[in-house]
Every structure is written in C-alpha cells, then in structure tokens.
Amino acid sequence: MRLDVSGPVRLPPACPGLRIGLYGGSFNPAHLGHRHVSRVALRRLGLDRVWWMVTPGNPLKDRADLASLAARVAAAQAIAAHPRIAVTAFESRIGARYTRQSLRYLKERHPAVRFVWIMGADSLATFHRWAGFREIAETMPIAIIDRPGFTLKSLTARAAQTLGRWRVDESDAGLIADLTPPAWVFLHGPRSHLSSTALRAKG
C-alpha cells in the first residue's frame, strides 16, 4: 500500500547520528507507564531521544472508545513532560495504516538517524499478527520492555521464536541502536502495572 503524502510533514527535530527510540501506540490515554518505558529506553539503550508516535488507530483494536487524535496528542504531551521525549502524530498526515509504512517513511526521510523501535512485552506476544512484522524487524533494531504478566508469554510467542536467532544479550542493550537489523533485545527490570485499557475502564 502506497502512502498518500501531500504537503509538508512536521516531525520532531532530528540530525544525522542521533539515536532515537520510536514508541508507537494509541495512547488512549497516555499514562505514566508510557513515560516509565521511555525513561528505561533512554537510559538502557543509550538513546538521545524518544518519539511517541500517536497513531490514528490500531487495526487490531476496536476504535469505538478511541478518543480524538488531537485529545490523545495533548494528553500525551502533558504526561511526557520530559526534554528528551517528543510527541508526534505524523502517521495521520502521511496516511499510514501500518507500522511498517511509518518506519519505512522515517528511514527514507532520515537515513542517517539511528532509529530503534520500542515495544512493550505485551505487544511482542501478538507481534506475529502485525502486518509485515518481519519487515519491521528488518527495517530497524527493536527493544522490548518487560510488562507484568508477559515475561514468559512474550518470549515463547511466535514472533520471538521466529526472530530468536537475532536476539541480542541484554548486557549489550546499549549497542542496539548501532546494529544492523534484524536485531532485538529484551529488557527486564522494574515494570509498570499501568495500562490504558484499565484506565479507560475506571472512567
């Protein structure tokens, strides 16, 4: 599927050589768990920045209770509150439906930036259902942040097994941004129990 990009697309500042983590999701709503993941990634992966990519909507999730994109971006900016975390909704501007399209676009736009795709362990558990998950793994290195209840489930999931030979030891996590994909690392450590689903349920 081709992207329909018409007119300028604003992205957070970037320059050659920067190590930038990309953290995508609906952020419906954004919460301190997202900030926790980002701070872990900044520290453990040696990143310069993390971009929160607020998606128009997840093809694998029900959009019935999805807040407006503008509302989710505003809330994400309020929660992020960190000089090295930027919030962007560029995917809606370029007409991307799938993560692989967005990552390919960023690589083409900033070929000299060292991007790393960041996911929670819960996402790794269903990664095999994503459109072109192998293409995503071949586009840029991936960092998986542990989530409560998914440590074992995610590492025995189909995607983890398929990509197993390219897993990097956790002790080398700081090198992941410099590696040629496919390459991925699983980061253990303090975990956040917060989830957008639970927060929406509380109303």
N, C-alpha and C. Protein backbone atom coordinates (compact mmCIF):
# COMPACT_ATOMS: atom_id res chain seq x y z
N MET A 1 0.84 -1.19 0.00
CA MET A 1 0.00 0.00 0.00
C MET A 1 0.88 1.25 0.00
N ARG A 2 0.62 2.14 -0.96
CA ARG A 2 1.40 3.37 -1.07
C ARG A 2 0.85 4.43 -0.12
N LEU A 3 1.76 5.25 0.41
CA LEU A 3 1.35 6.35 1.27
C LEU A 3 0.87 7.51 0.43
N ASP A 4 -0.09 8.23 0.95
CA ASP A 4 -0.62 9.40 0.26
C ASP A 4 -0.14 10.64 1.01
N VAL A 5 1.08 11.07 0.69
CA VAL A 5 1.68 12.22 1.36
C VAL A 5 1.53 13.45 0.48
N SER A 6 0.73 14.40 0.94
CA SER A 6 0.55 15.63 0.18
C SER A 6 0.85 16.81 1.10
N GLY A 7 1.82 17.60 0.71
CA GLY A 7 2.21 18.74 1.53
C GLY A 7 3.25 18.38 2.57
N PRO A 8 3.71 19.37 3.32
CA PRO A 8 4.78 19.15 4.32
C PRO A 8 4.32 18.30 5.49
N VAL A 9 5.27 17.52 6.03
CA VAL A 9 5.00 16.68 7.19
C VAL A 9 5.96 17.13 8.29
N ARG A 10 5.42 17.55 9.42
CA ARG A 10 6.26 18.00 10.52
C ARG A 10 6.66 16.84 11.41
N LEU A 11 7.94 16.75 11.67
CA LEU A 11 8.47 15.73 12.57
C LEU A 11 9.28 16.43 13.66
N PRO A 12 9.49 15.78 14.79
CA PRO A 12 10.38 16.36 15.80
C PRO A 12 11.78 16.55 15.20
N PRO A 13 12.57 17.45 15.74
CA PRO A 13 13.92 17.69 15.21
C PRO A 13 14.77 16.42 15.26
N ALA A 14 15.58 16.24 14.21
CA ALA A 14 16.50 15.11 14.15
C ALA A 14 17.69 15.49 13.29
N CYS A 15 18.83 14.93 13.59
CA CYS A 15 20.01 15.18 12.78
C CYS A 15 20.82 13.89 12.67
N PRO A 16 21.67 13.78 11.66
CA PRO A 16 22.44 12.55 11.46
C PRO A 16 23.20 12.11 12.71
N GLY A 17 23.15 10.81 12.98
CA GLY A 17 23.88 10.26 14.12
C GLY A 17 23.09 10.17 15.40
N LEU A 18 21.96 10.89 15.49
CA LEU A 18 21.14 10.80 16.70
C LEU A 18 20.60 9.39 16.86
N ARG A 19 20.48 8.95 18.12
CA ARG A 19 19.90 7.65 18.44
C ARG A 19 18.50 7.92 18.99
N ILE A 20 17.49 7.57 18.19
CA ILE A 20 16.12 7.92 18.53
C ILE A 20 15.26 6.66 18.67
N GLY A 21 14.60 6.53 19.81
CA GLY A 21 13.66 5.44 20.01
C GLY A 21 12.28 5.86 19.55
N LEU A 22 11.60 4.96 18.86
CA LEU A 22 10.24 5.21 18.37
C LEU A 22 9.28 4.35 19.16
N TYR A 23 8.34 4.99 19.83
CA TYR A 23 7.40 4.29 20.71
C TYR A 23 5.99 4.60 20.20
N GLY A 24 5.39 3.66 19.51
CA GLY A 24 4.10 3.90 18.89
C GLY A 24 2.94 3.30 19.66
N GLY A 25 1.77 3.86 19.46
CA GLY A 25 0.58 3.32 20.12
C GLY A 25 -0.58 4.29 20.03
N SER A 26 -1.72 3.83 20.51
CA SER A 26 -2.91 4.68 20.51
C SER A 26 -2.84 5.75 21.60
N PHE A 27 -2.12 5.46 22.69
CA PHE A 27 -2.04 6.39 23.82
C PHE A 27 -3.45 6.85 24.20
N ASN A 28 -4.29 5.86 24.50
CA ASN A 28 -5.72 6.12 24.72
C ASN A 28 -6.17 5.65 26.11
N PRO A 29 -5.75 6.32 27.17
CA PRO A 29 -4.97 7.56 27.18
C PRO A 29 -3.49 7.27 27.48
N ALA A 30 -2.67 8.32 27.29
CA ALA A 30 -1.27 8.25 27.73
C ALA A 30 -1.25 8.20 29.25
N HIS A 31 -0.25 7.53 29.83
CA HIS A 31 -0.15 7.43 31.29
C HIS A 31 1.32 7.31 31.70
N LEU A 32 1.56 7.30 32.99
CA LEU A 32 2.93 7.29 33.49
C LEU A 32 3.68 6.01 33.14
N GLY A 33 2.96 4.94 32.80
CA GLY A 33 3.62 3.72 32.34
C GLY A 33 4.35 3.96 31.03
N HIS A 34 3.76 4.75 30.15
CA HIS A 34 4.43 5.10 28.90
C HIS A 34 5.71 5.89 29.18
N ARG A 35 5.62 6.78 30.14
CA ARG A 35 6.80 7.58 30.50
C ARG A 35 7.88 6.69 31.11
N HIS A 36 7.45 5.71 31.91
CA HIS A 36 8.40 4.77 32.51
C HIS A 36 9.17 4.01 31.43
N VAL A 37 8.43 3.47 30.45
CA VAL A 37 9.06 2.74 29.35
C VAL A 37 10.07 3.63 28.63
N SER A 38 9.70 4.86 28.39
CA SER A 38 10.57 5.78 27.66
C SER A 38 11.84 6.10 28.44
N ARG A 39 11.71 6.29 29.73
CA ARG A 39 12.89 6.59 30.54
C ARG A 39 13.82 5.39 30.64
N VAL A 40 13.24 4.19 30.72
CA VAL A 40 14.06 2.97 30.70
C VAL A 40 14.81 2.88 29.38
N ALA A 41 14.12 3.13 28.28
CA ALA A 41 14.74 3.05 26.96
C ALA A 41 15.87 4.09 26.82
N LEU A 42 15.62 5.31 27.25
CA LEU A 42 16.64 6.35 27.17
C LEU A 42 17.91 5.92 27.90
N ARG A 43 17.73 5.37 29.09
CA ARG A 43 18.87 5.01 29.93
C ARG A 43 19.56 3.73 29.46
N ARG A 44 18.78 2.68 29.27
CA ARG A 44 19.37 1.36 28.99
C ARG A 44 19.87 1.21 27.56
N LEU A 45 19.25 1.93 26.63
CA LEU A 45 19.64 1.81 25.23
C LEU A 45 20.58 2.92 24.78
N GLY A 46 20.87 3.86 25.66
CA GLY A 46 21.76 4.96 25.31
C GLY A 46 21.19 5.86 24.23
N LEU A 47 19.88 6.11 24.31
CA LEU A 47 19.21 6.93 23.29
C LEU A 47 19.36 8.42 23.58
N ASP A 48 19.28 9.20 22.53
CA ASP A 48 19.28 10.66 22.67
C ASP A 48 17.86 11.20 22.83
N ARG A 49 16.91 10.56 22.16
CA ARG A 49 15.52 11.00 22.19
C ARG A 49 14.60 9.79 22.09
N VAL A 50 13.36 9.98 22.52
CA VAL A 50 12.28 9.03 22.27
C VAL A 50 11.11 9.80 21.68
N TRP A 51 10.59 9.31 20.57
CA TRP A 51 9.41 9.92 19.96
C TRP A 51 8.19 9.05 20.24
N TRP A 52 7.16 9.65 20.81
CA TRP A 52 5.89 8.95 20.97
C TRP A 52 5.10 9.15 19.69
N MET A 53 4.82 8.08 18.98
CA MET A 53 4.06 8.13 17.74
C MET A 53 2.60 7.79 18.04
N VAL A 54 1.78 8.81 18.15
CA VAL A 54 0.36 8.62 18.47
C VAL A 54 -0.38 8.25 17.18
N THR A 55 -0.87 7.03 17.11
CA THR A 55 -1.46 6.52 15.88
C THR A 55 -2.91 6.97 15.72
N PRO A 56 -3.38 7.06 14.46
CA PRO A 56 -4.80 7.35 14.22
C PRO A 56 -5.69 6.27 14.82
N GLY A 57 -5.19 5.01 14.84
CA GLY A 57 -5.96 3.89 15.39
C GLY A 57 -5.25 2.59 15.09
N ASN A 58 -5.36 1.64 15.98
CA ASN A 58 -4.72 0.33 15.82
C ASN A 58 -5.65 -0.59 15.03
N PRO A 59 -5.20 -1.13 13.88
CA PRO A 59 -6.05 -2.02 13.08
C PRO A 59 -6.50 -3.27 13.83
N LEU A 60 -5.77 -3.63 14.91
CA LEU A 60 -6.10 -4.84 15.66
C LEU A 60 -7.01 -4.56 16.85
N LYS A 61 -7.37 -3.28 17.06
CA LYS A 61 -8.18 -2.94 18.23
C LYS A 61 -9.48 -2.25 17.81
N ASP A 62 -10.47 -2.37 18.69
CA ASP A 62 -11.76 -1.72 18.47
C ASP A 62 -11.60 -0.21 18.66
N ARG A 63 -12.11 0.58 17.72
CA ARG A 63 -11.95 2.02 17.78
C ARG A 63 -13.17 2.71 18.41
N ALA A 64 -14.09 1.92 18.90
CA ALA A 64 -15.34 2.50 19.43
C ALA A 64 -15.08 3.48 20.58
N ASP A 65 -14.11 3.18 21.42
CA ASP A 65 -13.84 4.04 22.57
C ASP A 65 -12.56 4.85 22.39
N LEU A 66 -12.18 5.08 21.14
CA LEU A 66 -10.95 5.82 20.85
C LEU A 66 -11.21 7.32 20.89
N ALA A 67 -10.49 8.02 21.76
CA ALA A 67 -10.61 9.48 21.83
C ALA A 67 -10.05 10.11 20.56
N SER A 68 -10.37 11.36 20.33
CA SER A 68 -9.89 12.03 19.12
C SER A 68 -8.36 12.09 19.13
N LEU A 69 -7.78 12.16 17.94
CA LEU A 69 -6.33 12.23 17.83
C LEU A 69 -5.79 13.46 18.55
N ALA A 70 -6.44 14.59 18.37
CA ALA A 70 -5.98 15.83 19.00
C ALA A 70 -5.99 15.72 20.51
N ALA A 71 -7.02 15.09 21.07
CA ALA A 71 -7.11 14.94 22.52
C ALA A 71 -6.02 14.01 23.03
N ARG A 72 -5.74 12.95 22.29
CA ARG A 72 -4.72 11.99 22.72
C ARG A 72 -3.32 12.59 22.63
N VAL A 73 -3.08 13.40 21.61
CA VAL A 73 -1.78 14.07 21.48
C VAL A 73 -1.58 15.06 22.62
N ALA A 74 -2.60 15.83 22.93
CA ALA A 74 -2.50 16.83 24.01
C ALA A 74 -2.23 16.15 25.34
N ALA A 75 -2.93 15.05 25.61
CA ALA A 75 -2.73 14.32 26.86
C ALA A 75 -1.34 13.71 26.92
N ALA A 76 -0.88 13.19 25.78
CA ALA A 76 0.46 12.59 25.74
C ALA A 76 1.53 13.63 26.01
N GLN A 77 1.37 14.82 25.46
CA GLN A 77 2.35 15.88 25.70
C GLN A 77 2.40 16.27 27.18
N ALA A 78 1.23 16.27 27.82
CA ALA A 78 1.17 16.62 29.24
C ALA A 78 1.83 15.54 30.10
N ILE A 79 1.63 14.28 29.74
CA ILE A 79 2.20 13.17 30.50
C ILE A 79 3.70 13.03 30.25
N ALA A 80 4.13 13.21 29.01
CA ALA A 80 5.55 13.01 28.67
C ALA A 80 6.43 13.92 29.51
N ALA A 81 6.18 15.22 29.46
CA ALA A 81 6.86 16.20 30.31
C ALA A 81 8.34 15.89 30.53
N HIS A 82 9.05 15.69 29.45
CA HIS A 82 10.47 15.34 29.54
C HIS A 82 11.18 15.98 28.34
N PRO A 83 12.32 16.62 28.57
CA PRO A 83 13.00 17.32 27.47
C PRO A 83 13.47 16.42 26.34
N ARG A 84 13.57 15.11 26.60
CA ARG A 84 14.07 14.20 25.57
C ARG A 84 12.97 13.29 25.01
N ILE A 85 11.72 13.60 25.36
CA ILE A 85 10.58 12.86 24.80
C ILE A 85 9.75 13.82 23.97
N ALA A 86 9.52 13.48 22.71
CA ALA A 86 8.70 14.29 21.82
C ALA A 86 7.47 13.51 21.40
N VAL A 87 6.38 14.20 21.17
CA VAL A 87 5.12 13.58 20.76
C VAL A 87 4.81 13.99 19.33
N THR A 88 4.48 13.02 18.49
CA THR A 88 4.16 13.31 17.11
C THR A 88 2.97 12.47 16.64
N ALA A 89 2.19 13.03 15.73
CA ALA A 89 1.06 12.30 15.14
C ALA A 89 1.21 12.28 13.62
N PHE A 90 2.45 12.20 13.15
CA PHE A 90 2.72 12.31 11.72
C PHE A 90 2.07 11.19 10.90
N GLU A 91 1.76 10.06 11.53
CA GLU A 91 1.20 8.94 10.77
C GLU A 91 -0.13 9.29 10.13
N SER A 92 -0.93 10.10 10.81
CA SER A 92 -2.20 10.51 10.22
C SER A 92 -1.97 11.42 9.02
N ARG A 93 -0.88 12.18 9.06
CA ARG A 93 -0.57 13.13 7.97
C ARG A 93 -0.11 12.40 6.71
N ILE A 94 0.59 11.27 6.87
CA ILE A 94 1.11 10.56 5.70
C ILE A 94 0.17 9.44 5.25
N GLY A 95 -0.91 9.25 5.99
CA GLY A 95 -1.88 8.22 5.61
C GLY A 95 -1.42 6.80 5.89
N ALA A 96 -0.57 6.63 6.89
CA ALA A 96 -0.07 5.29 7.22
C ALA A 96 -1.12 4.50 8.01
N ARG A 97 -1.34 3.27 7.62
CA ARG A 97 -2.24 2.39 8.36
C ARG A 97 -1.47 1.39 9.19
N TYR A 98 -0.25 1.10 8.78
CA TYR A 98 0.53 0.06 9.44
C TYR A 98 1.90 0.59 9.87
N THR A 99 2.42 0.02 10.94
CA THR A 99 3.71 0.44 11.48
C THR A 99 4.82 0.34 10.45
N ARG A 100 4.82 -0.71 9.66
CA ARG A 100 5.89 -0.90 8.68
C ARG A 100 5.97 0.28 7.71
N GLN A 101 4.82 0.86 7.37
CA GLN A 101 4.81 2.02 6.47
C GLN A 101 5.45 3.23 7.15
N SER A 102 5.12 3.44 8.40
CA SER A 102 5.65 4.59 9.14
C SER A 102 7.15 4.49 9.32
N LEU A 103 7.63 3.31 9.67
CA LEU A 103 9.07 3.13 9.90
C LEU A 103 9.85 3.27 8.60
N ARG A 104 9.30 2.76 7.53
CA ARG A 104 9.95 2.90 6.23
C ARG A 104 10.04 4.38 5.84
N TYR A 105 8.96 5.12 6.10
CA TYR A 105 8.94 6.55 5.80
C TYR A 105 10.03 7.29 6.57
N LEU A 106 10.16 6.99 7.87
CA LEU A 106 11.16 7.67 8.69
C LEU A 106 12.57 7.33 8.24
N LYS A 107 12.81 6.08 7.89
CA LYS A 107 14.14 5.68 7.43
C LYS A 107 14.51 6.38 6.13
N GLU A 108 13.52 6.55 5.26
CA GLU A 108 13.78 7.25 4.00
C GLU A 108 13.99 8.74 4.22
N ARG A 109 13.26 9.30 5.17
CA ARG A 109 13.36 10.74 5.45
C ARG A 109 14.65 11.07 6.21
N HIS A 110 15.07 10.17 7.11
CA HIS A 110 16.27 10.40 7.92
C HIS A 110 17.17 9.16 7.89
N PRO A 111 17.81 8.91 6.75
CA PRO A 111 18.62 7.68 6.61
C PRO A 111 19.82 7.59 7.54
N ALA A 112 20.29 8.72 8.06
CA ALA A 112 21.48 8.71 8.92
C ALA A 112 21.15 8.72 10.41
N VAL A 113 19.86 8.73 10.75
CA VAL A 113 19.45 8.65 12.15
C VAL A 113 19.41 7.19 12.57
N ARG A 114 19.83 6.90 13.77
CA ARG A 114 19.85 5.51 14.28
C ARG A 114 18.56 5.26 15.07
N PHE A 115 17.55 4.81 14.37
CA PHE A 115 16.25 4.56 14.98
C PHE A 115 16.20 3.19 15.64
N VAL A 116 15.43 3.11 16.73
CA VAL A 116 15.14 1.85 17.41
C VAL A 116 13.63 1.81 17.66
N TRP A 117 12.99 0.73 17.28
CA TRP A 117 11.56 0.56 17.53
C TRP A 117 11.38 -0.01 18.94
N ILE A 118 10.53 0.61 19.75
CA ILE A 118 10.32 0.21 21.14
C ILE A 118 8.93 -0.39 21.30
N MET A 119 8.86 -1.55 21.96
CA MET A 119 7.57 -2.18 22.22
C MET A 119 7.54 -2.72 23.64
N GLY A 120 6.34 -2.81 24.20
CA GLY A 120 6.16 -3.49 25.47
C GLY A 120 6.10 -4.99 25.21
N ALA A 121 6.38 -5.79 26.23
CA ALA A 121 6.34 -7.24 26.08
C ALA A 121 4.96 -7.73 25.67
N ASP A 122 3.91 -7.01 26.05
CA ASP A 122 2.56 -7.40 25.65
C ASP A 122 2.39 -7.31 24.14
N SER A 123 3.06 -6.35 23.51
CA SER A 123 2.99 -6.22 22.06
C SER A 123 3.79 -7.33 21.37
N LEU A 124 4.91 -7.73 21.97
CA LEU A 124 5.69 -8.83 21.39
C LEU A 124 4.86 -10.11 21.35
N ALA A 125 4.00 -10.30 22.33
CA ALA A 125 3.18 -11.51 22.40
C ALA A 125 2.26 -11.64 21.19
N THR A 126 1.87 -10.51 20.59
CA THR A 126 0.98 -10.54 19.43
C THR A 126 1.64 -9.98 18.17
N PHE A 127 2.93 -9.79 18.22
CA PHE A 127 3.66 -9.16 17.12
C PHE A 127 3.48 -9.92 15.80
N HIS A 128 3.34 -11.23 15.88
CA HIS A 128 3.18 -12.03 14.66
C HIS A 128 1.90 -11.70 13.90
N ARG A 129 0.97 -11.03 14.55
CA ARG A 129 -0.28 -10.65 13.90
C ARG A 129 -0.19 -9.29 13.20
N TRP A 130 0.89 -8.57 13.44
CA TRP A 130 1.06 -7.27 12.81
C TRP A 130 1.35 -7.46 11.31
N ALA A 131 0.84 -6.55 10.49
CA ALA A 131 1.10 -6.60 9.06
C ALA A 131 2.59 -6.40 8.80
N GLY A 132 3.24 -7.41 8.23
CA GLY A 132 4.65 -7.30 7.89
C GLY A 132 5.58 -7.24 9.08
N PHE A 133 5.35 -8.07 10.10
CA PHE A 133 6.21 -7.98 11.29
C PHE A 133 7.66 -8.30 10.96
N ARG A 134 7.88 -9.19 10.00
CA ARG A 134 9.26 -9.49 9.61
C ARG A 134 9.91 -8.28 8.94
N GLU A 135 9.13 -7.55 8.16
CA GLU A 135 9.64 -6.34 7.51
C GLU A 135 10.02 -5.29 8.55
N ILE A 136 9.22 -5.17 9.60
CA ILE A 136 9.54 -4.24 10.68
C ILE A 136 10.89 -4.61 11.31
N ALA A 137 11.07 -5.89 11.57
CA ALA A 137 12.32 -6.35 12.19
C ALA A 137 13.52 -6.13 11.28
N GLU A 138 13.30 -6.10 9.98
CA GLU A 138 14.38 -5.89 9.03
C GLU A 138 14.63 -4.41 8.76
N THR A 139 13.73 -3.55 9.23
CA THR A 139 13.84 -2.11 8.98
C THR A 139 14.70 -1.41 10.02
N MET A 140 14.53 -1.79 11.29
CA MET A 140 15.33 -1.18 12.35
C MET A 140 15.40 -2.10 13.56
N PRO A 141 16.42 -1.93 14.42
CA PRO A 141 16.50 -2.74 15.63
C PRO A 141 15.29 -2.53 16.52
N ILE A 142 15.01 -3.50 17.38
CA ILE A 142 13.82 -3.46 18.24
C ILE A 142 14.24 -3.66 19.69
N ALA A 143 13.62 -2.91 20.58
CA ALA A 143 13.82 -3.08 22.02
C ALA A 143 12.48 -3.43 22.66
N ILE A 144 12.45 -4.50 23.42
CA ILE A 144 11.24 -4.94 24.10
C ILE A 144 11.38 -4.63 25.59
N ILE A 145 10.41 -3.92 26.15
CA ILE A 145 10.43 -3.58 27.56
C ILE A 145 9.45 -4.51 28.29
N ASP A 146 9.93 -5.17 29.33
CA ASP A 146 9.10 -6.14 30.06
C ASP A 146 7.83 -5.50 30.61
N ARG A 147 6.74 -6.28 30.60
CA ARG A 147 5.46 -5.85 31.17
C ARG A 147 4.94 -6.94 32.09
N PRO A 148 4.26 -6.58 33.19
CA PRO A 148 3.74 -7.58 34.12
C PRO A 148 2.84 -8.59 33.41
N GLY A 149 3.10 -9.87 33.67
CA GLY A 149 2.27 -10.93 33.11
C GLY A 149 2.66 -11.38 31.71
N PHE A 150 3.68 -10.76 31.11
CA PHE A 150 4.03 -11.09 29.73
C PHE A 150 5.48 -11.56 29.55
N THR A 151 6.23 -11.65 30.63
CA THR A 151 7.64 -12.00 30.51
C THR A 151 7.83 -13.32 29.77
N LEU A 152 7.18 -14.37 30.24
CA LEU A 152 7.32 -15.69 29.61
C LEU A 152 6.47 -15.81 28.36
N LYS A 153 5.25 -15.28 28.43
CA LYS A 153 4.32 -15.40 27.30
C LYS A 153 4.90 -14.77 26.04
N SER A 154 5.52 -13.61 26.18
CA SER A 154 6.03 -12.91 25.00
C SER A 154 7.25 -13.62 24.41
N LEU A 155 8.12 -14.16 25.26
CA LEU A 155 9.34 -14.78 24.77
C LEU A 155 9.11 -16.17 24.17
N THR A 156 7.93 -16.73 24.40
CA THR A 156 7.60 -18.02 23.77
C THR A 156 6.61 -17.82 22.62
N ALA A 157 6.26 -16.57 22.34
CA ALA A 157 5.31 -16.27 21.26
C ALA A 157 5.96 -16.50 19.90
N ARG A 158 5.12 -16.57 18.89
CA ARG A 158 5.58 -16.91 17.54
C ARG A 158 6.63 -15.95 17.01
N ALA A 159 6.43 -14.63 17.20
CA ALA A 159 7.40 -13.67 16.67
C ALA A 159 8.76 -13.81 17.33
N ALA A 160 8.76 -14.00 18.66
CA ALA A 160 10.03 -14.15 19.39
C ALA A 160 10.76 -15.39 18.93
N GLN A 161 10.03 -16.45 18.66
CA GLN A 161 10.64 -17.69 18.18
C GLN A 161 11.18 -17.51 16.77
N THR A 162 10.40 -16.83 15.93
CA THR A 162 10.82 -16.61 14.54
C THR A 162 12.08 -15.76 14.47
N LEU A 163 12.18 -14.77 15.34
CA LEU A 163 13.31 -13.84 15.33
C LEU A 163 14.38 -14.21 16.35
N GLY A 164 14.26 -15.38 16.94
CA GLY A 164 15.14 -15.77 18.04
C GLY A 164 16.62 -15.68 17.76
N ARG A 165 17.03 -16.02 16.56
CA ARG A 165 18.47 -16.05 16.25
C ARG A 165 19.10 -14.65 16.25
N TRP A 166 18.27 -13.62 16.20
CA TRP A 166 18.78 -12.24 16.16
C TRP A 166 18.65 -11.52 17.50
N ARG A 167 18.30 -12.25 18.54
CA ARG A 167 18.18 -11.62 19.86
C ARG A 167 19.56 -11.29 20.40
N VAL A 168 19.70 -10.07 20.91
CA VAL A 168 20.95 -9.57 21.47
C VAL A 168 20.91 -9.73 22.99
N ASP A 169 22.02 -10.10 23.59
CA ASP A 169 22.07 -10.24 25.03
C ASP A 169 21.77 -8.90 25.70
N GLU A 170 21.04 -8.97 26.80
CA GLU A 170 20.62 -7.75 27.50
C GLU A 170 21.80 -6.90 27.94
N SER A 171 22.93 -7.52 28.20
CA SER A 171 24.11 -6.77 28.62
C SER A 171 24.65 -5.87 27.51
N ASP A 172 24.23 -6.14 26.27
CA ASP A 172 24.66 -5.33 25.13
C ASP A 172 23.57 -4.39 24.64
N ALA A 173 22.59 -4.12 25.50
CA ALA A 173 21.47 -3.28 25.10
C ALA A 173 21.91 -1.91 24.60
N GLY A 174 22.97 -1.37 25.17
CA GLY A 174 23.44 -0.05 24.77
C GLY A 174 23.99 0.01 23.37
N LEU A 175 24.16 -1.15 22.73
CA LEU A 175 24.69 -1.20 21.37
C LEU A 175 23.60 -1.34 20.32
N ILE A 176 22.36 -1.56 20.76
CA ILE A 176 21.30 -1.95 19.83
C ILE A 176 21.08 -0.93 18.72
N ALA A 177 21.19 0.36 19.03
CA ALA A 177 20.94 1.39 18.01
C ALA A 177 21.97 1.36 16.89
N ASP A 178 23.14 0.78 17.16
CA ASP A 178 24.21 0.75 16.17
C ASP A 178 24.23 -0.54 15.35
N LEU A 179 23.35 -1.48 15.68
CA LEU A 179 23.37 -2.77 15.00
C LEU A 179 22.53 -2.76 13.73
N THR A 180 22.95 -3.58 12.77
CA THR A 180 22.20 -3.73 11.53
C THR A 180 21.05 -4.70 11.77
N PRO A 181 19.81 -4.29 11.46
CA PRO A 181 18.68 -5.18 11.67
C PRO A 181 18.72 -6.37 10.69
N PRO A 182 18.09 -7.47 11.10
CA PRO A 182 17.32 -7.64 12.34
C PRO A 182 18.21 -7.80 13.57
N ALA A 183 17.78 -7.17 14.64
CA ALA A 183 18.43 -7.27 15.95
C ALA A 183 17.42 -6.80 16.98
N TRP A 184 17.29 -7.54 18.08
CA TRP A 184 16.35 -7.11 19.11
C TRP A 184 16.86 -7.52 20.49
N VAL A 185 16.40 -6.78 21.50
CA VAL A 185 16.82 -7.03 22.87
C VAL A 185 15.60 -6.97 23.78
N PHE A 186 15.60 -7.81 24.80
CA PHE A 186 14.51 -7.83 25.79
C PHE A 186 15.07 -7.28 27.09
N LEU A 187 14.45 -6.21 27.59
CA LEU A 187 14.93 -5.57 28.81
C LEU A 187 14.07 -5.94 30.01
N HIS A 188 14.66 -6.61 30.98
CA HIS A 188 14.00 -6.91 32.24
C HIS A 188 14.22 -5.74 33.20
N GLY A 189 13.51 -5.75 34.29
CA GLY A 189 13.69 -4.70 35.29
C GLY A 189 12.37 -4.27 35.88
N PRO A 190 12.37 -3.15 36.60
CA PRO A 190 11.12 -2.64 37.20
C PRO A 190 10.05 -2.46 36.12
N ARG A 191 8.83 -2.90 36.43
CA ARG A 191 7.75 -2.88 35.44
C ARG A 191 6.59 -2.02 35.94
N SER A 192 5.92 -1.39 35.00
CA SER A 192 4.75 -0.58 35.33
C SER A 192 3.49 -1.41 35.15
N HIS A 193 2.59 -1.34 36.13
CA HIS A 193 1.32 -2.07 36.05
C HIS A 193 0.21 -1.24 35.41
N LEU A 194 0.51 0.00 35.06
CA LEU A 194 -0.49 0.86 34.43
C LEU A 194 -0.80 0.40 33.02
N SER A 195 -2.05 0.54 32.61
CA SER A 195 -2.45 0.22 31.23
C SER A 195 -3.58 1.16 30.82
N SER A 196 -3.59 1.50 29.53
CA SER A 196 -4.64 2.38 29.02
C SER A 196 -6.02 1.73 29.13
N THR A 197 -6.06 0.43 28.89
CA THR A 197 -7.34 -0.30 28.97
C THR A 197 -7.93 -0.20 30.36
N ALA A 198 -7.09 -0.42 31.39
CA ALA A 198 -7.57 -0.35 32.77
C ALA A 198 -8.02 1.06 33.13
N LEU A 199 -7.28 2.06 32.66
CA LEU A 199 -7.65 3.45 32.97
C LEU A 199 -8.97 3.83 32.31
N ARG A 200 -9.21 3.35 31.10
CA ARG A 200 -10.48 3.64 30.44
C ARG A 200 -11.64 2.95 31.19
N ALA A 201 -11.38 1.76 31.71
CA ALA A 201 -12.41 1.01 32.42
C ALA A 201 -12.83 1.75 33.69
N LYS A 202 -11.87 2.44 34.31
CA LYS A 202 -12.17 3.20 35.53
C LYS A 202 -12.98 4.46 35.23
N GLY A 203 -12.98 4.83 33.95
CA GLY A 203 -13.73 6.01 33.55
C GLY A 203 -13.10 7.30 33.97
